[in-house]
N, C-alpha and C. Protein backbone atom coordinates (compact mmCIF):
# COMPACT_ATOMS: atom_id res chain seq x y z
N MET A 1 1.53 32.41 9.26
CA MET A 1 0.82 30.56 9.37
C MET A 1 1.13 29.96 7.97
N GLU A 2 1.17 30.59 6.75
CA GLU A 2 1.89 30.05 5.64
C GLU A 2 3.40 29.80 5.52
N LYS A 3 4.24 30.88 6.29
CA LYS A 3 5.46 30.30 6.15
C LYS A 3 5.60 29.12 7.29
N ASN A 4 5.13 29.13 8.18
CA ASN A 4 5.22 28.01 9.37
C ASN A 4 4.91 26.40 8.35
N MET A 5 3.69 26.73 7.93
CA MET A 5 3.27 25.49 7.02
C MET A 5 4.38 25.23 6.06
N LEU A 6 5.33 25.79 5.41
CA LEU A 6 5.96 25.61 4.24
C LEU A 6 7.24 25.27 4.83
N LYS A 7 7.87 25.45 5.94
CA LYS A 7 8.91 25.16 6.92
C LYS A 7 8.43 23.45 7.24
N LYS A 8 7.10 23.40 7.79
CA LYS A 8 6.98 22.04 8.17
C LYS A 8 6.89 21.19 6.90
N ARG A 9 6.56 21.34 6.05
CA ARG A 9 6.46 20.56 4.63
C ARG A 9 8.07 20.40 4.63
N ARG A 10 8.53 21.18 4.37
CA ARG A 10 10.17 21.36 4.23
C ARG A 10 11.24 20.21 5.02
N MET A 11 10.69 20.41 6.65
CA MET A 11 10.95 19.39 7.12
C MET A 11 10.83 18.11 6.97
N TRP A 12 9.29 18.11 6.65
CA TRP A 12 9.07 16.67 6.42
C TRP A 12 9.53 15.96 5.26
N THR A 13 9.78 16.74 4.16
CA THR A 13 10.52 16.03 3.31
C THR A 13 12.29 15.62 3.31
N TYR A 14 12.66 16.61 4.04
CA TYR A 14 14.19 16.29 4.85
C TYR A 14 14.53 14.99 5.60
N PHE A 15 13.47 14.74 6.23
CA PHE A 15 13.05 13.65 7.10
C PHE A 15 12.72 12.16 6.62
N ILE A 16 11.59 12.31 5.74
CA ILE A 16 11.39 11.34 5.00
C ILE A 16 12.44 10.87 3.66
N ASP A 17 13.02 11.94 3.15
CA ASP A 17 14.08 11.65 1.54
C ASP A 17 15.17 10.91 2.69
N ALA A 18 15.20 11.07 3.73
CA ALA A 18 16.56 10.84 4.51
C ALA A 18 16.22 9.26 4.72
N THR A 19 14.97 8.94 5.17
CA THR A 19 14.55 7.61 5.81
C THR A 19 14.40 6.87 4.61
N GLU A 20 14.30 7.33 3.12
CA GLU A 20 14.14 6.58 2.14
C GLU A 20 15.65 6.06 1.98
N GLU A 21 16.66 7.03 1.65
CA GLU A 21 17.97 6.88 1.53
C GLU A 21 18.48 5.66 2.30
N LEU A 22 18.36 5.84 3.61
CA LEU A 22 18.54 4.52 4.51
C LEU A 22 18.16 3.38 4.09
N ILE A 23 16.64 3.25 4.07
CA ILE A 23 16.03 2.01 3.25
C ILE A 23 16.91 1.59 2.26
N GLN A 24 17.38 2.23 1.42
CA GLN A 24 18.04 1.68 0.19
C GLN A 24 19.32 1.64 0.63
N THR A 25 20.49 2.31 1.24
CA THR A 25 21.41 1.71 1.63
C THR A 25 21.85 0.61 2.86
N GLU A 26 21.05 0.88 3.39
CA GLU A 26 21.27 0.08 4.88
C GLU A 26 20.31 -1.17 5.22
N GLY A 27 19.11 -0.69 4.55
CA GLY A 27 17.80 -1.79 4.59
C GLY A 27 17.02 -1.37 5.83
N PHE A 28 15.46 -1.88 5.58
CA PHE A 28 14.47 -1.63 6.13
C PHE A 28 15.01 -1.57 7.57
N ARG A 29 15.13 -2.91 8.26
CA ARG A 29 15.45 -3.01 9.89
C ARG A 29 16.48 -2.28 10.26
N TYR A 30 17.32 -1.64 9.63
CA TYR A 30 18.29 -0.97 10.52
C TYR A 30 18.29 0.17 10.39
N VAL A 31 16.93 1.03 9.99
CA VAL A 31 16.50 2.16 10.08
C VAL A 31 16.36 2.49 11.86
N THR A 32 16.92 3.80 12.26
CA THR A 32 16.89 4.15 13.24
C THR A 32 16.55 5.87 13.15
N ILE A 33 15.99 6.32 14.72
CA ILE A 33 15.80 7.59 14.60
C ILE A 33 17.32 8.43 14.49
N ARG A 34 18.11 7.79 15.19
CA ARG A 34 19.66 8.58 15.48
C ARG A 34 20.21 8.94 13.74
N LYS A 35 19.99 7.38 12.88
CA LYS A 35 20.60 7.52 11.54
C LYS A 35 19.49 8.48 10.72
N VAL A 36 18.65 8.53 10.90
CA VAL A 36 17.56 9.49 10.09
C VAL A 36 18.05 10.92 10.36
N ALA A 37 18.18 11.19 11.42
CA ALA A 37 18.50 12.69 12.02
C ALA A 37 20.18 12.90 11.37
N GLU A 38 20.99 12.02 11.57
CA GLU A 38 22.05 12.27 10.96
C GLU A 38 22.50 12.61 9.75
N LYS A 39 21.47 11.68 8.93
CA LYS A 39 21.39 11.59 7.52
C LYS A 39 20.98 13.21 7.13
N ALA A 40 19.73 13.66 7.76
CA ALA A 40 19.13 14.90 7.55
C ALA A 40 19.96 16.23 8.00
N GLY A 41 20.84 16.10 8.80
CA GLY A 41 21.68 17.08 9.05
C GLY A 41 21.06 17.58 10.63
N TYR A 42 20.09 17.07 11.10
CA TYR A 42 19.66 17.71 12.41
C TYR A 42 19.59 16.46 13.75
N ASN A 43 19.50 16.85 14.74
CA ASN A 43 19.07 15.93 15.93
C ASN A 43 18.17 15.06 16.09
N SER A 44 18.02 14.01 16.67
CA SER A 44 17.14 13.19 17.08
C SER A 44 15.71 14.02 17.26
N ALA A 45 15.80 14.95 18.32
CA ALA A 45 14.92 15.63 19.24
C ALA A 45 14.04 16.31 18.17
N THR A 46 14.49 16.99 17.11
CA THR A 46 14.03 17.65 15.98
C THR A 46 13.05 16.83 15.35
N ILE A 47 13.39 15.69 15.19
CA ILE A 47 12.49 14.68 14.22
C ILE A 47 11.27 14.74 15.13
N TYR A 48 11.28 14.47 16.20
CA TYR A 48 9.63 14.43 17.36
C TYR A 48 8.88 15.58 17.37
N ASN A 49 9.50 16.57 16.81
CA ASN A 49 8.55 17.90 16.12
C ASN A 49 7.68 17.69 15.24
N TYR A 50 8.22 16.72 14.45
CA TYR A 50 7.28 16.52 13.10
C TYR A 50 6.69 15.15 13.15
N PHE A 51 7.41 14.21 13.78
CA PHE A 51 6.63 12.90 13.59
C PHE A 51 6.75 12.45 15.00
N ASP A 52 5.71 11.22 15.16
CA ASP A 52 5.26 11.12 16.57
C ASP A 52 6.00 9.53 17.19
N GLU A 53 6.59 9.05 15.96
CA GLU A 53 7.26 7.52 16.16
C GLU A 53 8.03 7.61 14.76
N LEU A 54 8.76 6.48 15.21
CA LEU A 54 9.83 6.13 13.78
C LEU A 54 8.82 5.22 12.62
N SER A 55 7.90 4.52 13.32
CA SER A 55 6.79 3.98 12.07
C SER A 55 6.22 4.80 11.09
N HIS A 56 6.15 6.17 11.78
CA HIS A 56 5.37 7.07 10.61
C HIS A 56 6.78 7.59 9.83
N LEU A 57 7.83 7.69 10.20
CA LEU A 57 8.79 8.08 8.93
C LEU A 57 8.86 6.81 8.17
N LEU A 58 9.18 5.50 8.59
CA LEU A 58 9.05 4.54 7.59
C LEU A 58 7.74 4.23 6.70
N PHE A 59 6.37 4.65 7.49
CA PHE A 59 5.57 4.71 6.76
C PHE A 59 5.76 5.51 5.38
N PHE A 60 6.12 6.94 5.65
CA PHE A 60 6.04 8.06 4.95
C PHE A 60 7.11 7.60 3.64
N ALA A 61 8.38 6.80 4.21
CA ALA A 61 9.72 6.64 2.84
C ALA A 61 8.86 5.51 2.32
N SER A 62 8.51 4.61 3.06
CA SER A 62 7.55 3.48 2.33
C SER A 62 6.91 3.56 1.09
N LEU A 63 6.18 4.73 1.63
CA LEU A 63 5.12 5.02 0.16
C LEU A 63 6.07 5.65 -1.16
N LYS A 64 7.30 5.73 -1.00
CA LYS A 64 7.98 6.15 -2.13
C LYS A 64 8.44 5.04 -3.23
N PHE A 65 8.53 3.92 -2.44
CA PHE A 65 8.88 3.08 -3.05
C PHE A 65 7.60 2.17 -3.72
N LEU A 66 6.71 2.79 -3.83
CA LEU A 66 5.09 2.24 -3.97
C LEU A 66 5.20 2.77 -5.74
N ARG A 67 5.68 3.62 -5.86
CA ARG A 67 5.65 4.44 -7.34
C ARG A 67 5.55 3.60 -8.29
N PRO A 68 6.60 2.41 -8.85
CA PRO A 68 6.59 1.59 -9.63
C PRO A 68 4.93 0.85 -9.58
N TYR A 69 4.64 0.18 -8.33
CA TYR A 69 3.31 -0.47 -8.28
C TYR A 69 2.17 0.51 -9.02
N ILE A 70 2.36 1.64 -8.23
CA ILE A 70 0.86 2.26 -8.71
C ILE A 70 0.86 2.30 -10.50
N GLN A 71 2.18 3.00 -10.76
CA GLN A 71 1.90 2.98 -12.28
C GLN A 71 2.06 1.71 -13.20
N THR A 72 1.95 0.30 -12.48
CA THR A 72 1.84 -0.62 -13.10
C THR A 72 0.01 -1.15 -12.86
N VAL A 73 -0.34 -1.01 -11.49
CA VAL A 73 -1.91 -1.08 -11.60
C VAL A 73 -2.59 -0.39 -12.11
N THR A 74 -2.30 0.90 -12.32
CA THR A 74 -2.97 1.84 -13.12
C THR A 74 -2.93 1.35 -14.69
N ASP A 75 -1.87 1.40 -15.21
CA ASP A 75 -1.56 0.66 -16.87
C ASP A 75 -2.50 -0.22 -16.97
N GLU A 76 -2.19 -1.38 -16.20
CA GLU A 76 -2.89 -2.85 -16.49
C GLU A 76 -4.52 -2.40 -16.09
N MET A 77 -4.93 -1.70 -15.26
CA MET A 77 -6.56 -1.46 -15.07
C MET A 77 -6.96 -0.77 -16.50
N ASP A 78 -6.32 -0.10 -16.61
CA ASP A 78 -6.67 0.66 -17.75
C ASP A 78 -6.96 0.21 -19.08
N LYS A 79 -6.46 -1.12 -19.20
CA LYS A 79 -6.38 -1.90 -20.19
C LYS A 79 -7.77 -2.92 -20.64
N THR A 80 -8.79 -2.83 -19.54
CA THR A 80 -9.87 -3.31 -19.92
C THR A 80 -10.84 -3.18 -19.21
N GLU A 81 -12.28 -3.19 -19.66
CA GLU A 81 -13.35 -2.46 -19.09
C GLU A 81 -14.18 -3.80 -18.19
N ASN A 82 -13.86 -4.77 -18.39
CA ASN A 82 -14.49 -5.97 -17.55
C ASN A 82 -14.27 -5.79 -16.14
N PRO A 83 -15.22 -5.48 -15.16
CA PRO A 83 -14.94 -5.58 -13.84
C PRO A 83 -14.06 -6.66 -13.03
N VAL A 84 -14.56 -7.58 -13.49
CA VAL A 84 -14.01 -9.00 -13.08
C VAL A 84 -12.43 -9.16 -13.22
N GLU A 85 -12.11 -8.52 -14.37
CA GLU A 85 -10.96 -8.72 -14.52
C GLU A 85 -10.14 -7.52 -13.88
N LYS A 86 -10.71 -6.53 -14.13
CA LYS A 86 -10.11 -5.20 -13.36
C LYS A 86 -9.60 -6.06 -11.86
N TYR A 87 -10.60 -6.31 -11.21
CA TYR A 87 -10.45 -6.85 -10.09
C TYR A 87 -9.29 -7.88 -9.85
N LEU A 88 -9.11 -8.90 -10.59
CA LEU A 88 -8.21 -9.72 -10.63
C LEU A 88 -6.67 -9.00 -10.83
N ILE A 89 -6.82 -8.44 -11.95
CA ILE A 89 -5.75 -7.31 -12.12
C ILE A 89 -4.86 -6.63 -11.09
N ALA A 90 -6.06 -5.92 -10.27
CA ALA A 90 -5.43 -5.22 -9.32
C ALA A 90 -5.23 -6.05 -7.81
N TRP A 91 -5.64 -7.30 -7.74
CA TRP A 91 -4.84 -8.23 -6.53
C TRP A 91 -3.61 -8.87 -7.64
N LYS A 92 -3.62 -8.94 -8.76
CA LYS A 92 -2.28 -9.53 -9.40
C LYS A 92 -1.18 -8.55 -8.89
N CYS A 93 -1.24 -7.12 -9.07
CA CYS A 93 -0.36 -6.20 -9.10
C CYS A 93 -0.03 -6.30 -7.50
N PHE A 94 -1.05 -6.24 -6.92
CA PHE A 94 -0.91 -6.04 -5.54
C PHE A 94 -0.21 -7.26 -4.97
N SER A 95 -0.45 -8.32 -5.10
CA SER A 95 0.24 -9.14 -4.76
C SER A 95 1.83 -9.59 -5.21
N GLU A 96 1.70 -9.16 -6.70
CA GLU A 96 3.22 -9.43 -7.16
C GLU A 96 4.18 -8.07 -6.75
N TYR A 97 3.94 -7.11 -6.41
CA TYR A 97 4.55 -5.98 -5.76
C TYR A 97 4.88 -6.47 -4.02
N SER A 98 3.94 -6.71 -3.31
CA SER A 98 3.96 -7.01 -1.97
C SER A 98 4.88 -8.07 -1.80
N PHE A 99 5.23 -9.42 -2.81
CA PHE A 99 6.16 -10.43 -2.22
C PHE A 99 7.41 -9.94 -2.68
N LYS A 100 7.51 -8.71 -3.77
CA LYS A 100 8.75 -8.34 -3.84
C LYS A 100 9.07 -7.42 -2.96
N ILE A 101 8.57 -6.88 -2.48
CA ILE A 101 9.15 -5.90 -1.14
C ILE A 101 8.19 -6.20 0.07
N PRO A 102 8.48 -7.20 0.61
CA PRO A 102 7.28 -7.29 1.66
C PRO A 102 7.47 -6.33 2.79
N GLU A 103 8.56 -5.81 3.38
CA GLU A 103 8.73 -5.14 4.37
C GLU A 103 8.08 -3.56 4.27
N ILE A 104 8.19 -3.30 2.82
CA ILE A 104 7.50 -2.03 2.50
C ILE A 104 5.95 -1.79 2.67
N PHE A 105 5.61 -3.11 2.15
CA PHE A 105 4.11 -3.40 1.83
C PHE A 105 3.65 -3.38 3.53
N ASN A 106 4.35 -4.25 4.47
CA ASN A 106 3.85 -4.24 5.66
C ASN A 106 4.04 -2.97 6.33
N ALA A 107 4.87 -1.84 6.10
CA ALA A 107 4.95 -0.65 6.50
C ALA A 107 3.67 0.20 6.22
N VAL A 108 3.29 0.03 4.78
CA VAL A 108 2.15 0.92 4.51
C VAL A 108 0.81 0.67 4.88
N PHE A 109 0.81 -0.89 4.98
CA PHE A 109 -0.34 -1.60 4.58
C PHE A 109 -1.24 -2.08 6.19
N LEU A 110 -0.03 -2.51 6.98
CA LEU A 110 -0.19 -3.47 8.28
C LEU A 110 0.44 -2.99 9.26
N MET A 111 1.23 -2.37 9.23
CA MET A 111 2.19 -1.64 10.52
C MET A 111 0.96 -1.00 11.40
N ASP A 112 1.05 -1.21 12.71
CA ASP A 112 0.57 -0.49 13.62
C ASP A 112 0.69 1.09 13.38
N LEU A 113 0.20 1.99 13.10
CA LEU A 113 0.26 3.36 13.03
C LEU A 113 0.06 4.15 14.39
N GLY A 114 -0.78 3.80 14.65
CA GLY A 114 -1.49 4.59 16.28
C GLY A 114 -2.71 5.10 15.46
N ASP A 115 -2.89 6.16 16.18
CA ASP A 115 -4.65 6.97 15.76
C ASP A 115 -4.80 7.50 14.36
N HIS A 116 -5.68 6.96 13.50
CA HIS A 116 -5.89 7.90 12.42
C HIS A 116 -4.84 7.75 11.42
N PRO A 117 -4.45 6.55 10.94
CA PRO A 117 -3.49 6.18 9.93
C PRO A 117 -4.03 6.64 8.44
N GLU A 118 -5.47 6.72 8.39
CA GLU A 118 -5.71 7.08 6.94
C GLU A 118 -5.24 8.53 6.61
N ASN A 119 -5.26 9.09 7.52
CA ASN A 119 -4.91 10.88 7.49
C ASN A 119 -3.38 11.21 6.72
N MET A 120 -2.60 9.98 7.14
CA MET A 120 -1.12 9.95 6.74
C MET A 120 -0.92 9.65 5.31
N LEU A 121 -1.87 9.10 5.09
CA LEU A 121 -1.63 8.48 3.30
C LEU A 121 -1.96 10.02 2.61
N LYS A 122 -3.04 10.42 2.92
CA LYS A 122 -3.59 11.82 2.52
C LYS A 122 -2.14 12.67 2.62
N ARG A 123 -1.68 12.98 3.70
CA ARG A 123 -0.72 13.94 4.07
C ARG A 123 0.77 13.71 2.86
N TYR A 124 0.92 12.53 2.84
CA TYR A 124 1.74 12.36 1.82
C TYR A 124 1.60 12.76 0.47
N TYR A 125 0.51 12.25 -0.15
CA TYR A 125 0.21 12.73 -1.43
C TYR A 125 0.11 14.17 -1.33
N GLU A 126 -0.21 14.90 -0.49
CA GLU A 126 -0.23 16.55 -0.30
C GLU A 126 1.41 16.99 -0.68
N LEU A 127 2.49 16.07 -0.11
CA LEU A 127 3.51 16.51 0.10
C LEU A 127 4.16 15.79 -1.29
N TYR A 128 3.53 14.96 -1.84
CA TYR A 128 4.19 14.40 -2.99
C TYR A 128 3.29 14.05 -4.14
N PRO A 129 2.36 15.11 -4.62
CA PRO A 129 1.35 14.91 -5.32
C PRO A 129 1.65 14.75 -6.91
N SER A 130 2.90 14.44 -7.21
CA SER A 130 3.67 14.26 -8.46
C SER A 130 3.24 12.31 -8.68
N ASP A 131 3.31 11.74 -7.42
CA ASP A 131 3.18 10.37 -7.49
C ASP A 131 1.77 9.94 -7.95
N LEU A 132 0.92 10.96 -8.16
CA LEU A 132 -0.65 10.64 -8.35
C LEU A 132 -1.08 11.03 -9.86
N VAL A 133 -0.06 11.94 -10.58
CA VAL A 133 -0.17 12.73 -11.57
C VAL A 133 -1.13 11.90 -12.48
N GLU A 134 -0.59 10.55 -12.80
CA GLU A 134 -1.02 9.97 -13.95
C GLU A 134 -2.28 8.58 -13.54
N VAL A 135 -2.65 9.11 -12.43
CA VAL A 135 -3.84 7.90 -11.93
C VAL A 135 -4.98 8.75 -12.31
N PRO A 136 -5.60 7.72 -13.18
CA PRO A 136 -7.08 7.92 -13.71
C PRO A 136 -8.14 8.55 -12.49
N GLU A 137 -9.03 9.39 -12.60
CA GLU A 137 -10.18 9.86 -11.73
C GLU A 137 -10.54 8.58 -10.94
N GLU A 138 -10.92 7.99 -11.53
CA GLU A 138 -11.92 6.54 -11.10
C GLU A 138 -11.03 5.60 -10.22
N LEU A 139 -9.94 5.40 -10.10
CA LEU A 139 -8.93 5.00 -9.41
C LEU A 139 -8.49 5.24 -8.22
N LEU A 140 -8.39 6.75 -8.22
CA LEU A 140 -8.03 7.81 -7.10
C LEU A 140 -8.51 7.02 -5.49
N PRO A 141 -10.03 6.94 -5.63
CA PRO A 141 -10.36 6.44 -4.28
C PRO A 141 -9.68 5.63 -3.71
N GLY A 142 -9.51 4.32 -4.52
CA GLY A 142 -8.91 3.22 -3.87
C GLY A 142 -7.70 3.11 -3.56
N LEU A 143 -6.62 3.97 -4.33
CA LEU A 143 -5.35 4.31 -4.00
C LEU A 143 -5.09 5.06 -2.89
N LEU A 144 -6.24 5.85 -2.28
CA LEU A 144 -5.93 6.83 -1.27
C LEU A 144 -6.66 6.09 -0.05
N GLU A 145 -7.00 4.90 -0.15
CA GLU A 145 -6.94 4.01 1.01
C GLU A 145 -6.01 3.39 1.62
N ARG A 146 -5.84 3.37 2.84
CA ARG A 146 -4.79 2.42 3.73
C ARG A 146 -5.26 1.57 3.92
N SER A 147 -6.52 1.12 4.23
CA SER A 147 -7.39 0.20 5.01
C SER A 147 -7.36 -1.28 3.75
N LEU A 148 -6.84 -2.45 3.64
CA LEU A 148 -6.98 -3.25 2.76
C LEU A 148 -8.59 -3.51 2.81
N THR A 149 -9.52 -3.27 3.76
CA THR A 149 -10.85 -3.73 3.61
C THR A 149 -11.47 -2.82 2.78
N GLU A 150 -11.38 -1.24 2.90
CA GLU A 150 -12.00 -0.51 2.21
C GLU A 150 -11.29 -0.42 0.66
N ARG A 151 -9.94 -0.97 0.49
CA ARG A 151 -9.34 -0.70 -0.80
C ARG A 151 -10.20 -1.96 -1.73
N GLY A 152 -10.26 -2.84 -0.92
CA GLY A 152 -11.08 -3.70 -1.80
C GLY A 152 -12.70 -3.89 -1.81
N ARG A 153 -13.18 -3.07 -1.26
CA ARG A 153 -14.52 -2.62 -1.72
C ARG A 153 -14.71 -1.98 -2.74
N PHE A 154 -13.70 -1.03 -2.52
CA PHE A 154 -13.94 -0.22 -3.78
C PHE A 154 -13.44 -0.98 -5.23
N ALA A 155 -12.70 -1.82 -5.25
CA ALA A 155 -12.47 -2.80 -6.23
C ALA A 155 -13.57 -3.33 -6.80
N ILE A 156 -13.79 -4.15 -5.72
CA ILE A 156 -15.57 -4.73 -5.92
C ILE A 156 -16.32 -4.36 -6.39
N ASN A 157 -16.58 -2.91 -6.08
CA ASN A 157 -17.94 -1.91 -6.42
C ASN A 157 -17.99 -2.26 -8.01
N PHE A 158 -17.03 -2.55 -8.60
CA PHE A 158 -17.24 -2.31 -10.00
C PHE A 158 -17.79 -3.64 -10.47
N ILE A 159 -17.78 -4.31 -9.72
CA ILE A 159 -18.27 -5.73 -10.22
C ILE A 159 -19.62 -5.72 -9.46
N VAL A 160 -20.13 -5.03 -8.58
CA VAL A 160 -21.16 -4.98 -7.71
C VAL A 160 -22.32 -3.99 -8.75
N GLN A 161 -21.66 -3.18 -9.44
CA GLN A 161 -22.24 -1.92 -10.31
C GLN A 161 -22.61 -2.83 -11.58
N GLU A 162 -22.07 -3.71 -11.75
CA GLU A 162 -22.50 -4.59 -13.24
C GLU A 162 -23.62 -5.86 -12.87
N GLY A 163 -23.95 -5.95 -11.34
CA GLY A 163 -25.10 -6.65 -11.24
C GLY A 163 -24.33 -8.32 -11.26
N LEU A 164 -23.10 -8.14 -11.11
CA LEU A 164 -22.60 -9.71 -10.87
C LEU A 164 -22.32 -10.14 -9.63
N LEU A 165 -22.33 -9.42 -8.88
CA LEU A 165 -22.49 -9.50 -7.28
C LEU A 165 -23.58 -8.86 -6.49
N ASP A 166 -24.35 -9.62 -5.35
CA ASP A 166 -24.93 -8.31 -4.61
C ASP A 166 -24.14 -8.16 -3.65
N GLU A 167 -24.48 -7.29 -2.74
CA GLU A 167 -23.45 -6.46 -1.85
C GLU A 167 -23.48 -7.60 -0.75
N ASP A 168 -24.01 -8.39 -0.56
CA ASP A 168 -23.40 -9.34 0.57
C ASP A 168 -22.48 -10.31 -0.01
N ALA A 169 -22.74 -10.76 -1.03
CA ALA A 169 -21.55 -11.65 -1.58
C ALA A 169 -20.38 -11.03 -1.82
N ALA A 170 -20.57 -9.85 -2.14
CA ALA A 170 -19.06 -8.84 -2.49
C ALA A 170 -18.36 -8.64 -1.33
N GLU A 171 -19.21 -8.37 0.11
CA GLU A 171 -18.57 -8.21 1.14
C GLU A 171 -18.05 -9.48 1.78
N GLU A 172 -18.36 -10.72 1.52
CA GLU A 172 -17.74 -12.09 1.55
C GLU A 172 -16.69 -12.22 1.15
N LEU A 173 -16.31 -12.03 -0.82
CA LEU A 173 -15.51 -11.76 -1.12
C LEU A 173 -14.69 -11.53 -0.91
N ASN A 174 -14.58 -10.06 -0.64
CA ASN A 174 -13.23 -9.19 -0.09
C ASN A 174 -12.91 -9.48 1.15
N GLU A 175 -13.54 -10.08 2.01
CA GLU A 175 -13.11 -10.91 3.19
C GLU A 175 -12.19 -11.93 2.89
N LEU A 176 -12.76 -12.64 1.98
CA LEU A 176 -12.23 -14.25 1.52
C LEU A 176 -10.80 -13.60 1.21
N THR A 177 -10.74 -13.13 0.09
CA THR A 177 -9.51 -12.80 -0.74
C THR A 177 -8.67 -11.92 0.32
N ASN A 178 -8.84 -11.02 1.22
CA ASN A 178 -7.95 -10.41 2.09
C ASN A 178 -7.20 -11.40 2.84
N LEU A 179 -8.01 -12.33 3.42
CA LEU A 179 -7.74 -13.15 4.19
C LEU A 179 -6.52 -14.14 3.66
N VAL A 180 -6.81 -14.53 2.28
CA VAL A 180 -5.66 -15.31 1.30
C VAL A 180 -4.60 -14.39 1.56
N TRP A 181 -4.78 -13.37 1.20
CA TRP A 181 -3.28 -12.76 0.66
C TRP A 181 -2.36 -12.23 2.21
N GLN A 182 -3.26 -11.99 3.06
CA GLN A 182 -2.84 -11.42 4.63
C GLN A 182 -2.12 -13.05 5.26
N GLY A 183 -2.70 -13.92 5.06
CA GLY A 183 -2.14 -15.33 5.49
C GLY A 183 -1.12 -15.77 4.65
N MET A 184 -0.96 -15.66 3.74
CA MET A 184 -0.07 -15.70 2.52
C MET A 184 1.49 -14.85 3.01
N PHE A 185 0.96 -13.47 3.03
CA PHE A 185 1.91 -12.64 3.34
C PHE A 185 2.52 -12.82 4.90
N SER A 186 1.79 -13.27 5.58
CA SER A 186 2.24 -13.13 6.78
C SER A 186 3.15 -14.13 6.85
N ASN A 187 3.06 -15.37 6.26
CA ASN A 187 4.12 -16.66 6.44
C ASN A 187 5.41 -16.21 5.49
N PHE A 188 5.23 -15.46 4.61
CA PHE A 188 6.17 -15.05 3.71
C PHE A 188 6.94 -13.97 4.29
N LEU A 189 6.55 -13.16 5.21
CA LEU A 189 7.33 -12.05 5.90
C LEU A 189 8.18 -12.82 7.05
N ASN A 190 7.62 -13.49 7.72
CA ASN A 190 8.10 -14.42 8.79
C ASN A 190 8.86 -15.82 8.52
N LYS A 191 9.13 -15.77 7.22
CA LYS A 191 9.87 -16.92 7.11
C LYS A 191 9.13 -18.20 7.24
N ARG A 192 7.93 -18.34 7.23
CA ARG A 192 7.40 -19.36 7.94
C ARG A 192 6.82 -20.58 6.60
N ASN A 193 7.15 -20.08 5.52
CA ASN A 193 7.30 -21.17 4.14
C ASN A 193 8.68 -21.08 3.68
N HIS A 194 8.50 -21.88 2.45
CA HIS A 194 9.56 -21.76 1.87
C HIS A 194 9.54 -21.11 0.54
N TYR A 195 8.51 -20.60 0.34
CA TYR A 195 8.24 -19.89 -0.95
C TYR A 195 8.93 -18.88 -1.31
N THR A 196 9.45 -18.60 -2.93
CA THR A 196 10.17 -17.84 -3.33
C THR A 196 8.61 -16.70 -3.44
N ALA A 197 9.50 -15.30 -3.70
CA ALA A 197 8.36 -14.31 -4.36
C ALA A 197 7.56 -14.63 -5.21
N GLU A 198 8.17 -15.24 -6.27
CA GLU A 198 7.24 -15.57 -7.44
C GLU A 198 6.22 -16.80 -6.91
N LYS A 199 6.76 -17.42 -6.22
CA LYS A 199 5.63 -18.62 -5.92
C LYS A 199 4.86 -18.36 -5.05
N ALA A 200 5.03 -17.71 -4.21
CA ALA A 200 3.97 -16.87 -2.95
C ALA A 200 2.77 -16.03 -3.85
N GLN A 201 3.39 -15.46 -4.79
CA GLN A 201 2.43 -14.43 -5.57
C GLN A 201 1.60 -15.40 -6.31
N GLN A 202 2.32 -16.51 -7.04
CA GLN A 202 1.36 -17.66 -7.91
C GLN A 202 0.40 -18.47 -7.10
N GLN A 203 0.84 -18.64 -5.87
CA GLN A 203 -0.21 -19.42 -5.05
C GLN A 203 -1.17 -18.48 -4.39
N THR A 204 -1.02 -17.25 -4.04
CA THR A 204 -1.96 -16.08 -3.67
C THR A 204 -3.13 -15.96 -4.73
N MET A 205 -2.49 -15.59 -6.19
CA MET A 205 -3.51 -15.44 -7.40
C MET A 205 -4.41 -16.94 -7.60
N LYS A 206 -3.69 -17.70 -7.37
CA LYS A 206 -4.43 -19.01 -7.64
C LYS A 206 -5.52 -19.05 -6.65
N TYR A 207 -5.70 -19.31 -5.28
CA TYR A 207 -6.70 -19.24 -4.61
C TYR A 207 -7.48 -18.17 -4.48
N ILE A 208 -6.93 -16.95 -5.03
CA ILE A 208 -8.05 -15.33 -5.32
C ILE A 208 -9.14 -15.84 -6.36
N GLN A 209 -8.32 -16.25 -7.41
CA GLN A 209 -9.14 -16.44 -8.65
C GLN A 209 -10.08 -17.59 -8.41
N GLU A 210 -9.73 -18.67 -8.09
CA GLU A 210 -10.71 -19.80 -7.66
C GLU A 210 -11.73 -19.19 -6.69
N ILE A 211 -11.59 -18.21 -5.76
CA ILE A 211 -12.66 -18.05 -5.06
C ILE A 211 -13.61 -16.90 -5.77
N VAL A 212 -12.92 -15.79 -6.52
CA VAL A 212 -13.70 -15.16 -7.50
C VAL A 212 -14.80 -15.86 -8.21
N GLU A 213 -14.13 -16.66 -9.09
CA GLU A 213 -15.10 -17.63 -9.83
C GLU A 213 -15.83 -18.48 -9.27
N GLN A 214 -15.59 -18.91 -8.11
CA GLN A 214 -16.78 -19.77 -7.09
C GLN A 214 -18.00 -18.45 -6.85
N LYS A 215 -17.73 -17.13 -6.21
CA LYS A 215 -18.65 -16.44 -6.13
C LYS A 215 -19.21 -15.91 -7.18
N ILE A 216 -18.89 -15.70 -8.58
CA ILE A 216 -19.22 -14.95 -9.35
C ILE A 216 -20.25 -15.82 -10.17
N ASN A 217 -19.90 -17.65 -10.06
CA ASN A 217 -20.72 -18.22 -10.75
C ASN A 217 -22.05 -19.03 -9.83
N ARG A 218 -21.96 -18.54 -8.66
CA ARG A 218 -22.90 -19.41 -7.61
C ARG A 218 -23.77 -17.68 -7.61
N ASN A 219 -23.44 -16.81 -7.71
CA ASN A 219 -24.38 -15.38 -7.64
C ASN A 219 -25.55 -15.74 -8.67
């Protein structure tokens, strides 16, 4: 059993690493099962013994591109104990990187992955535990969530614990900030506006900060 699991992990990494390389060299939209198989030195049928569909490979490979984001958000949130500042920093880092590499963030957080996508994130970090080595224990639960709603709840919980928001107001804040980012991100990803990545990030944070200030002041 252990030998089979080691082989499975090894094959996963072959195909994930091949997909990562193809994203870097050819671009996200041009990755296919056939190209991944050729890059890894196997046939296409072999891939389906380990991954149900291409979106799963793209999801796992895209997570490898999140390393700079995880390092940045971890470092920046560690600089303050203020829960509101922590929340805004979390959004600032998330929006900054999401507009820089939108296809990657779409693959990780929004793309349809079928049943039980939350298990895939945990599986990835079992394969690549070094990606989380320097993440403080208190931030791990949020980073191990794929659901934006759950990630948001985790970040807002610091504010609730300080008594700055009640749970109902926190739920509303979480929903509103997620809607702001998703709306701006969808428009940017699908080229429905003329914003640069920097401008999209600035506008997103402007709206999020205004919403946060209104909710905190009203509570």
